[in-house]
Amino acid sequence: MSYVGGPEHVGESGGFTLGRAMGWFLFLSSMFWPRLGILAWWIFSNLLGRAYDSAIVPIVGFFVLPWTTVTYAMMWGFSSDRVSGVEWVVVAFAFLLDILTYAGGRALRR
């Protein structure tokens, strides 16, 4: 004879709560907005073309590290057509944000 869980096991699957919905909203928003920024700069500006020597880096960045790609281009065009000094700290923070976005997505799928 097999045991079927009673009422005390109901709801342990971690249903869709408000906190989980907010987590998904933040995750999807973090995946969407930097990509929109990359597309907008590609269409309306030449910043990406000036910041990167080839088109391959922004294309790969669009799919893999969007926050880092956007931030590098922004820091590159911010002052002197290069990234130097404290601007690298901002780019490193964007890289950390990319890593945290992917980690947050993995945590939400559990």
N, C-alpha and C. Protein backbone atom coordinates (compact mmCIF):
# COMPACT_ATOMS: atom_id res chain seq x y z
N MET A 1 0.84 -1.15 0.00
CA MET A 1 0.00 0.00 0.00
C MET A 1 0.91 1.24 0.00
N SER A 2 0.53 2.24 -0.78
CA SER A 2 1.35 3.45 -0.84
C SER A 2 0.69 4.57 -0.04
N TYR A 3 1.53 5.47 0.41
CA TYR A 3 1.04 6.59 1.22
C TYR A 3 0.87 7.80 0.31
N VAL A 4 -0.28 8.40 0.39
CA VAL A 4 -0.56 9.63 -0.34
C VAL A 4 -0.64 10.74 0.69
N GLY A 5 0.15 11.82 0.45
CA GLY A 5 0.23 12.92 1.42
C GLY A 5 -1.13 13.52 1.70
N GLY A 6 -1.35 13.85 2.95
CA GLY A 6 -2.61 14.44 3.38
C GLY A 6 -2.57 15.95 3.26
N PRO A 7 -3.51 16.60 3.90
CA PRO A 7 -3.63 18.05 3.80
C PRO A 7 -2.40 18.81 4.31
N GLU A 8 -1.60 18.19 5.19
CA GLU A 8 -0.43 18.90 5.70
C GLU A 8 0.63 19.12 4.63
N HIS A 9 0.56 18.41 3.51
CA HIS A 9 1.53 18.56 2.42
C HIS A 9 1.03 19.49 1.32
N VAL A 10 -0.17 19.98 1.44
CA VAL A 10 -0.73 20.86 0.41
C VAL A 10 -0.06 22.24 0.52
N GLY A 11 0.33 22.78 -0.61
CA GLY A 11 0.91 24.11 -0.63
C GLY A 11 2.42 24.15 -0.47
N GLU A 12 3.09 23.01 -0.36
CA GLU A 12 4.53 22.99 -0.21
C GLU A 12 5.25 23.19 -1.53
N SER A 13 4.53 23.21 -2.61
CA SER A 13 5.18 23.37 -3.92
C SER A 13 5.67 24.79 -4.14
N GLY A 14 5.38 25.70 -3.24
CA GLY A 14 5.86 27.08 -3.35
C GLY A 14 5.11 27.86 -4.41
N GLY A 15 3.82 27.82 -4.41
CA GLY A 15 2.99 28.48 -5.40
C GLY A 15 3.46 29.86 -5.81
N PHE A 16 2.71 30.48 -6.63
CA PHE A 16 3.09 31.78 -7.19
C PHE A 16 2.65 32.87 -6.23
N THR A 17 3.57 33.38 -5.44
CA THR A 17 3.28 34.41 -4.45
C THR A 17 3.60 35.79 -5.03
N LEU A 18 3.26 36.82 -4.27
CA LEU A 18 3.56 38.18 -4.69
C LEU A 18 5.07 38.41 -4.78
N GLY A 19 5.81 37.86 -3.84
CA GLY A 19 7.26 37.98 -3.87
C GLY A 19 7.86 37.32 -5.09
N ARG A 20 7.33 36.16 -5.45
CA ARG A 20 7.81 35.45 -6.64
C ARG A 20 7.44 36.23 -7.91
N ALA A 21 6.25 36.82 -7.93
CA ALA A 21 5.84 37.63 -9.08
C ALA A 21 6.75 38.85 -9.23
N MET A 22 7.10 39.49 -8.12
CA MET A 22 8.01 40.64 -8.18
C MET A 22 9.40 40.20 -8.62
N GLY A 23 9.83 39.03 -8.19
CA GLY A 23 11.11 38.50 -8.63
C GLY A 23 11.14 38.29 -10.14
N TRP A 24 10.06 37.71 -10.67
CA TRP A 24 9.98 37.52 -12.13
C TRP A 24 9.93 38.85 -12.86
N PHE A 25 9.20 39.82 -12.30
CA PHE A 25 9.12 41.14 -12.91
C PHE A 25 10.51 41.79 -12.98
N LEU A 26 11.25 41.74 -11.88
CA LEU A 26 12.60 42.32 -11.86
C LEU A 26 13.53 41.58 -12.81
N PHE A 27 13.43 40.26 -12.84
CA PHE A 27 14.28 39.47 -13.74
C PHE A 27 14.00 39.80 -15.20
N LEU A 28 12.73 39.79 -15.59
CA LEU A 28 12.39 40.08 -16.98
C LEU A 28 12.71 41.52 -17.35
N SER A 29 12.51 42.43 -16.41
CA SER A 29 12.86 43.83 -16.66
C SER A 29 14.36 43.99 -16.84
N SER A 30 15.13 43.29 -16.04
CA SER A 30 16.58 43.36 -16.15
C SER A 30 17.08 42.72 -17.44
N MET A 31 16.32 41.82 -17.99
CA MET A 31 16.69 41.21 -19.27
C MET A 31 16.25 42.09 -20.45
N PHE A 32 15.19 42.86 -20.29
CA PHE A 32 14.61 43.62 -21.40
C PHE A 32 15.26 44.99 -21.62
N TRP A 33 15.39 45.80 -20.57
CA TRP A 33 15.79 47.20 -20.73
C TRP A 33 17.18 47.42 -21.30
N PRO A 34 18.20 46.68 -20.89
CA PRO A 34 19.50 46.93 -21.53
C PRO A 34 19.50 46.57 -23.01
N ARG A 35 18.76 45.56 -23.37
CA ARG A 35 18.67 45.18 -24.78
C ARG A 35 17.94 46.25 -25.59
N LEU A 36 16.93 46.84 -25.00
CA LEU A 36 16.25 47.95 -25.66
C LEU A 36 17.20 49.13 -25.85
N GLY A 37 18.03 49.38 -24.84
CA GLY A 37 19.03 50.45 -24.95
C GLY A 37 20.04 50.18 -26.06
N ILE A 38 20.49 48.96 -26.18
CA ILE A 38 21.43 48.60 -27.25
C ILE A 38 20.77 48.82 -28.60
N LEU A 39 19.53 48.36 -28.76
CA LEU A 39 18.83 48.55 -30.03
C LEU A 39 18.62 50.03 -30.34
N ALA A 40 18.27 50.81 -29.33
CA ALA A 40 18.05 52.25 -29.54
C ALA A 40 19.33 52.94 -29.96
N TRP A 41 20.44 52.61 -29.30
CA TRP A 41 21.72 53.22 -29.69
C TRP A 41 22.15 52.79 -31.08
N TRP A 42 21.85 51.55 -31.43
CA TRP A 42 22.23 51.06 -32.76
C TRP A 42 21.42 51.78 -33.85
N ILE A 43 20.14 52.04 -33.57
CA ILE A 43 19.28 52.67 -34.56
C ILE A 43 19.48 54.19 -34.61
N PHE A 44 19.54 54.84 -33.45
CA PHE A 44 19.50 56.30 -33.40
C PHE A 44 20.85 56.99 -33.16
N SER A 45 21.91 56.25 -32.95
CA SER A 45 23.19 56.85 -32.62
C SER A 45 24.33 56.03 -33.21
N ASN A 46 25.49 56.59 -33.22
CA ASN A 46 26.66 55.84 -33.67
C ASN A 46 27.58 55.52 -32.50
N LEU A 47 27.08 55.59 -31.27
CA LEU A 47 27.88 55.34 -30.09
C LEU A 47 28.45 53.93 -30.06
N LEU A 48 27.64 52.94 -30.38
CA LEU A 48 28.14 51.56 -30.37
C LEU A 48 29.23 51.37 -31.42
N GLY A 49 29.06 51.98 -32.57
CA GLY A 49 30.07 51.87 -33.62
C GLY A 49 31.38 52.53 -33.24
N ARG A 50 31.30 53.61 -32.48
CA ARG A 50 32.52 54.29 -32.04
C ARG A 50 33.16 53.57 -30.86
N ALA A 51 32.36 52.99 -29.98
CA ALA A 51 32.89 52.35 -28.77
C ALA A 51 33.52 50.99 -29.06
N TYR A 52 33.01 50.29 -30.04
CA TYR A 52 33.51 48.96 -30.36
C TYR A 52 34.08 48.96 -31.76
N ASP A 53 35.21 48.27 -31.95
CA ASP A 53 35.87 48.24 -33.25
C ASP A 53 35.10 47.43 -34.29
N SER A 54 34.42 46.39 -33.85
CA SER A 54 33.66 45.57 -34.79
C SER A 54 32.24 45.41 -34.29
N ALA A 55 31.39 44.89 -35.13
CA ALA A 55 29.99 44.69 -34.75
C ALA A 55 29.79 43.41 -33.94
N ILE A 56 30.79 42.56 -33.91
CA ILE A 56 30.64 41.26 -33.24
C ILE A 56 30.48 41.44 -31.73
N VAL A 57 31.26 42.31 -31.12
CA VAL A 57 31.21 42.48 -29.66
C VAL A 57 29.84 42.98 -29.20
N PRO A 58 29.26 44.02 -29.81
CA PRO A 58 27.92 44.42 -29.35
C PRO A 58 26.84 43.37 -29.63
N ILE A 59 26.99 42.62 -30.70
CA ILE A 59 26.00 41.57 -30.99
C ILE A 59 26.07 40.47 -29.95
N VAL A 60 27.28 40.02 -29.63
CA VAL A 60 27.44 39.00 -28.58
C VAL A 60 27.01 39.58 -27.23
N GLY A 61 27.37 40.84 -26.98
CA GLY A 61 26.96 41.48 -25.74
C GLY A 61 25.46 41.61 -25.61
N PHE A 62 24.78 41.81 -26.72
CA PHE A 62 23.31 41.88 -26.71
C PHE A 62 22.71 40.61 -26.14
N PHE A 63 23.28 39.47 -26.48
CA PHE A 63 22.74 38.19 -26.03
C PHE A 63 23.32 37.71 -24.71
N VAL A 64 24.58 38.02 -24.42
CA VAL A 64 25.24 37.43 -23.26
C VAL A 64 25.36 38.40 -22.08
N LEU A 65 25.92 39.57 -22.30
CA LEU A 65 26.16 40.54 -21.22
C LEU A 65 25.61 41.92 -21.59
N PRO A 66 24.30 42.08 -21.59
CA PRO A 66 23.73 43.34 -22.06
C PRO A 66 24.06 44.54 -21.16
N TRP A 67 24.03 44.37 -19.84
CA TRP A 67 24.34 45.49 -18.96
C TRP A 67 25.78 45.95 -19.14
N THR A 68 26.69 45.00 -19.28
CA THR A 68 28.10 45.35 -19.47
C THR A 68 28.31 46.05 -20.80
N THR A 69 27.66 45.58 -21.85
CA THR A 69 27.79 46.19 -23.16
C THR A 69 27.28 47.63 -23.16
N VAL A 70 26.12 47.85 -22.57
CA VAL A 70 25.55 49.19 -22.51
C VAL A 70 26.43 50.11 -21.68
N THR A 71 26.87 49.63 -20.54
CA THR A 71 27.66 50.47 -19.64
C THR A 71 29.03 50.80 -20.22
N TYR A 72 29.66 49.83 -20.89
CA TYR A 72 30.95 50.12 -21.51
C TYR A 72 30.80 51.20 -22.58
N ALA A 73 29.78 51.07 -23.41
CA ALA A 73 29.56 52.08 -24.45
C ALA A 73 29.25 53.44 -23.83
N MET A 74 28.47 53.45 -22.76
CA MET A 74 28.14 54.71 -22.10
C MET A 74 29.38 55.35 -21.48
N MET A 75 30.20 54.55 -20.81
CA MET A 75 31.42 55.09 -20.20
C MET A 75 32.44 55.51 -21.27
N TRP A 76 32.45 54.81 -22.38
CA TRP A 76 33.37 55.14 -23.47
C TRP A 76 33.04 56.50 -24.05
N GLY A 77 31.78 56.78 -24.24
CA GLY A 77 31.37 58.05 -24.82
C GLY A 77 31.16 59.15 -23.80
N PHE A 78 31.28 58.82 -22.51
CA PHE A 78 30.99 59.79 -21.45
C PHE A 78 31.99 60.93 -21.40
N SER A 79 33.28 60.62 -21.52
CA SER A 79 34.24 61.70 -21.32
C SER A 79 35.27 61.83 -22.44
N SER A 80 36.00 60.77 -22.71
CA SER A 80 37.17 60.96 -23.57
C SER A 80 37.34 59.88 -24.62
N ASP A 81 36.29 59.27 -25.06
CA ASP A 81 36.37 58.19 -26.05
C ASP A 81 37.31 57.07 -25.63
N ARG A 82 37.27 56.75 -24.36
CA ARG A 82 37.97 55.59 -23.81
C ARG A 82 37.39 55.32 -22.43
N VAL A 83 37.66 54.15 -21.92
CA VAL A 83 37.22 53.79 -20.57
C VAL A 83 38.48 53.75 -19.71
N SER A 84 38.50 54.56 -18.67
CA SER A 84 39.69 54.61 -17.82
C SER A 84 39.30 54.97 -16.40
N GLY A 85 40.16 54.60 -15.47
CA GLY A 85 39.99 54.97 -14.07
C GLY A 85 38.73 54.43 -13.44
N VAL A 86 37.98 55.31 -12.82
CA VAL A 86 36.78 54.93 -12.08
C VAL A 86 35.70 54.38 -13.00
N GLU A 87 35.76 54.71 -14.27
CA GLU A 87 34.77 54.19 -15.22
C GLU A 87 34.81 52.66 -15.28
N TRP A 88 35.98 52.06 -15.06
CA TRP A 88 36.08 50.61 -15.04
C TRP A 88 35.32 50.02 -13.85
N VAL A 89 35.23 50.75 -12.76
CA VAL A 89 34.45 50.29 -11.60
C VAL A 89 32.98 50.21 -11.98
N VAL A 90 32.51 51.19 -12.74
CA VAL A 90 31.12 51.19 -13.18
C VAL A 90 30.86 50.02 -14.13
N VAL A 91 31.81 49.75 -15.03
CA VAL A 91 31.68 48.61 -15.95
C VAL A 91 31.71 47.30 -15.16
N ALA A 92 32.56 47.20 -14.16
CA ALA A 92 32.61 46.00 -13.32
C ALA A 92 31.29 45.81 -12.57
N PHE A 93 30.69 46.88 -12.11
CA PHE A 93 29.38 46.79 -11.45
C PHE A 93 28.32 46.28 -12.43
N ALA A 94 28.39 46.74 -13.68
CA ALA A 94 27.44 46.26 -14.70
C ALA A 94 27.65 44.78 -14.97
N PHE A 95 28.91 44.33 -14.98
CA PHE A 95 29.19 42.90 -15.15
C PHE A 95 28.60 42.11 -14.00
N LEU A 96 28.75 42.62 -12.78
CA LEU A 96 28.16 41.98 -11.61
C LEU A 96 26.64 41.93 -11.74
N LEU A 97 26.04 43.00 -12.26
CA LEU A 97 24.60 43.02 -12.47
C LEU A 97 24.16 41.97 -13.49
N ASP A 98 24.95 41.76 -14.54
CA ASP A 98 24.66 40.69 -15.49
C ASP A 98 24.69 39.32 -14.81
N ILE A 99 25.72 39.08 -14.02
CA ILE A 99 25.84 37.79 -13.32
C ILE A 99 24.69 37.61 -12.35
N LEU A 100 24.34 38.65 -11.61
CA LEU A 100 23.22 38.55 -10.66
C LEU A 100 21.89 38.35 -11.37
N THR A 101 21.73 38.91 -12.55
CA THR A 101 20.50 38.71 -13.32
C THR A 101 20.34 37.24 -13.67
N TYR A 102 21.41 36.64 -14.17
CA TYR A 102 21.33 35.21 -14.51
C TYR A 102 21.15 34.34 -13.28
N ALA A 103 21.82 34.68 -12.18
CA ALA A 103 21.66 33.91 -10.94
C ALA A 103 20.24 34.04 -10.40
N GLY A 104 19.68 35.24 -10.49
CA GLY A 104 18.30 35.45 -10.04
C GLY A 104 17.31 34.66 -10.88
N GLY A 105 17.56 34.59 -12.18
CA GLY A 105 16.69 33.79 -13.05
C GLY A 105 16.74 32.33 -12.71
N ARG A 106 17.94 31.84 -12.40
CA ARG A 106 18.06 30.44 -12.01
C ARG A 106 17.35 30.16 -10.68
N ALA A 107 17.45 31.11 -9.76
CA ALA A 107 16.81 30.93 -8.46
C ALA A 107 15.29 30.95 -8.60
N LEU A 108 14.78 31.74 -9.52
CA LEU A 108 13.32 31.81 -9.71
C LEU A 108 12.76 30.55 -10.33
N ARG A 109 13.56 29.85 -11.10
CA ARG A 109 13.07 28.63 -11.75
C ARG A 109 12.93 27.47 -10.78
N ARG A 110 13.50 27.58 -9.61
CA ARG A 110 13.40 26.47 -8.64
C ARG A 110 12.11 26.50 -7.92
